[in-house]
Amino acid sequence: MKHIFFIFSIVVAALNAQEYKAVFNCNSNDMQYVASRMVLVERTIDMIEKNGDTTKFAMTIHGGCAPIVSKNYDEIVLDEKDLASIDLSQKQLVKLAKKGVEIVVCAMSLNANTIDEGDVIPSVKISPNSFIETISYQNNGYALMVFE
């Protein structure tokens, strides 16, 4: 009888679990702000999973946010105070990718920021146009969360 109750409890919990879908669109060039948002995304995943629910998150990166994906960000970022924030953001990107977050950077933004595609960290996919990726995620039911 105890086993049946235990199995029943697991089935009920699984049926009540919710999936949270969001695409985080990073366009900000405020590196301290971006780093804080990267940490917040990880905390959000942890909070959702602690409640027994699941996440399906993605992140699209373009514009002033693009330097966070470069292995050589220290060569393209002029403001010294931004280096520590970019380093934190990049570490967070790697952690988020390990948690299943799909991360996409815009090739046009790489070009605009003089970042060679070969310098992009391995956990990041390159898209010809991240707007198309963001729209696709939204069309597939992802809530849009914006870093501006």
Protein backbone atom coordinates (compact mmCIF):
# COMPACT_ATOMS: atom_id res chain seq x y z
CA MET A 1 0.00 0.00 0.00
CA LYS A 2 2.85 2.39 0.81
CA HIS A 3 4.38 1.77 -2.62
CA ILE A 4 1.14 2.58 -4.40
CA PHE A 5 0.78 5.83 -2.46
CA PHE A 6 4.41 6.73 -3.24
CA ILE A 7 3.98 6.03 -6.98
CA PHE A 8 0.70 7.94 -6.98
CA SER A 9 2.43 10.95 -5.34
CA ILE A 10 5.17 10.95 -7.96
CA VAL A 11 2.65 10.78 -10.82
CA VAL A 12 0.59 13.63 -9.36
CA ALA A 13 3.71 15.78 -8.87
CA ALA A 14 4.85 15.11 -12.44
CA LEU A 15 1.42 16.02 -13.83
CA ASN A 16 1.42 19.28 -11.87
CA ALA A 17 4.95 20.29 -12.94
CA GLN A 18 5.09 23.37 -15.10
CA GLU A 19 7.56 24.18 -17.86
CA TYR A 20 8.83 27.76 -18.00
CA LYS A 21 9.92 28.91 -21.46
CA ALA A 22 11.74 32.21 -21.97
CA VAL A 23 14.17 33.82 -24.36
CA PHE A 24 16.47 36.42 -22.82
CA ASN A 25 17.42 39.03 -25.39
CA CYS A 26 20.67 40.84 -24.50
CA ASN A 27 21.36 44.09 -26.31
CA SER A 28 22.75 46.21 -23.48
CA ASN A 29 26.27 47.62 -23.57
CA ASP A 30 26.23 48.19 -19.79
CA MET A 31 28.50 45.32 -18.82
CA GLN A 32 27.81 45.53 -15.08
CA TYR A 33 24.08 45.32 -15.75
CA VAL A 34 24.55 42.39 -18.15
CA ALA A 35 26.63 40.49 -15.57
CA SER A 36 23.93 41.02 -12.95
CA ARG A 37 21.25 39.71 -15.33
CA MET A 38 23.34 36.64 -16.17
CA VAL A 39 23.52 35.77 -12.48
CA LEU A 40 19.77 36.41 -12.15
CA VAL A 41 18.98 34.00 -14.99
CA GLU A 42 20.88 31.24 -13.18
CA ARG A 43 19.10 32.00 -9.89
CA THR A 44 15.76 31.94 -11.70
CA ILE A 45 16.49 28.50 -13.12
CA ASP A 46 17.48 27.26 -9.67
CA MET A 47 14.31 28.65 -8.07
CA ILE A 48 12.05 27.11 -10.72
CA GLU A 49 13.74 23.72 -10.47
CA LYS A 50 13.63 23.82 -6.67
CA ASN A 51 9.84 23.98 -6.97
CA GLY A 52 9.84 20.83 -9.12
CA ASP A 53 9.20 22.65 -12.37
CA THR A 54 11.38 22.76 -15.49
CA THR A 55 12.93 25.45 -17.65
CA LYS A 56 13.46 25.75 -21.34
CA PHE A 57 15.51 28.94 -21.69
CA ALA A 58 17.38 30.54 -24.54
CA MET A 59 19.49 33.67 -24.81
CA THR A 60 20.03 35.80 -27.88
CA ILE A 61 22.97 38.19 -27.87
CA HIS A 62 23.49 41.13 -30.18
CA GLY A 63 24.49 44.79 -30.33
CA GLY A 64 26.56 46.08 -27.43
CA CYS A 65 26.24 42.78 -25.59
CA ALA A 66 28.25 40.83 -28.20
CA PRO A 67 31.71 41.24 -26.57
CA ILE A 68 30.69 38.84 -23.77
CA VAL A 69 31.00 35.90 -26.18
CA SER A 70 34.55 36.68 -27.33
CA LYS A 71 37.53 34.68 -26.07
CA ASN A 72 39.55 37.86 -26.61
CA TYR A 73 37.18 40.42 -25.07
CA ASP A 74 40.10 42.14 -23.37
CA GLU A 75 41.41 43.13 -26.81
CA ILE A 76 38.17 44.77 -27.98
CA VAL A 77 36.80 46.36 -24.82
CA LEU A 78 38.26 49.79 -24.21
CA ASP A 79 36.91 50.49 -20.73
CA GLU A 80 38.98 48.68 -18.07
CA LYS A 81 36.11 48.73 -15.56
CA ASP A 82 34.07 46.50 -17.89
CA LEU A 83 36.59 43.65 -17.99
CA ALA A 84 35.61 42.04 -14.67
CA SER A 85 31.92 42.22 -15.60
CA ILE A 86 32.52 40.64 -19.00
CA ASP A 87 34.57 37.91 -17.36
CA LEU A 88 31.68 37.17 -14.96
CA SER A 89 29.15 37.25 -17.81
CA GLN A 90 31.22 34.82 -19.83
CA LYS A 91 31.56 32.43 -16.89
CA GLN A 92 27.79 32.64 -16.42
CA LEU A 93 27.22 31.86 -20.11
CA VAL A 94 29.23 28.66 -19.72
CA LYS A 95 27.28 27.71 -16.57
CA LEU A 96 23.96 28.50 -18.24
CA ALA A 97 24.85 26.41 -21.29
CA LYS A 98 25.62 23.48 -18.95
CA LYS A 99 22.13 23.97 -17.46
CA GLY A 100 20.63 23.59 -20.95
CA VAL A 101 20.21 27.23 -21.95
CA GLU A 102 20.56 27.66 -25.71
CA ILE A 103 22.83 30.66 -26.38
CA VAL A 104 22.91 32.42 -29.75
CA VAL A 105 24.95 35.41 -30.90
CA CYS A 106 24.24 37.49 -33.98
CA ALA A 107 26.90 37.30 -36.73
CA MET A 108 26.13 40.89 -37.76
CA SER A 109 26.83 42.03 -34.20
CA LEU A 110 30.07 40.08 -34.14
CA ASN A 111 31.10 41.91 -37.30
CA ALA A 112 30.02 45.30 -35.91
CA ASN A 113 32.10 44.65 -32.78
CA THR A 114 35.09 43.35 -34.80
CA ILE A 115 34.84 39.89 -33.25
CA ASP A 116 36.05 37.03 -35.43
CA GLU A 117 33.66 34.06 -35.45
CA GLY A 118 36.61 31.84 -34.47
CA ASP A 119 36.93 33.82 -31.23
CA VAL A 120 33.42 32.94 -30.00
CA ILE A 121 33.38 30.70 -26.91
CA PRO A 122 32.31 27.12 -27.71
CA SER A 123 28.99 27.14 -25.82
CA VAL A 124 27.57 29.85 -28.12
CA LYS A 125 25.90 29.22 -31.48
CA ILE A 126 26.34 31.85 -34.21
CA SER A 127 23.23 32.97 -36.09
CA PRO A 128 23.23 35.10 -39.24
CA ASN A 129 20.57 37.30 -37.58
CA SER A 130 19.59 36.95 -33.91
CA PHE A 131 16.31 38.81 -34.50
CA ILE A 132 15.16 35.80 -36.53
CA GLU A 133 16.16 33.50 -33.68
CA THR A 134 14.33 35.64 -31.11
CA ILE A 135 11.19 35.74 -33.25
CA SER A 136 11.35 31.97 -33.71
CA TYR A 137 11.58 31.40 -29.96
CA GLN A 138 8.60 33.71 -29.40
CA ASN A 139 6.60 31.91 -32.09
CA ASN A 140 7.30 28.69 -30.19
CA GLY A 141 5.82 30.01 -26.95
CA TYR A 142 8.88 31.52 -25.24
CA ALA A 143 8.27 34.64 -23.16
CA LEU A 144 10.53 37.54 -24.19
CA MET A 145 12.77 38.88 -21.43
CA VAL A 146 14.89 41.87 -22.47
CA PHE A 147 18.26 43.13 -21.18
CA GLU A 148 18.43 46.75 -22.33
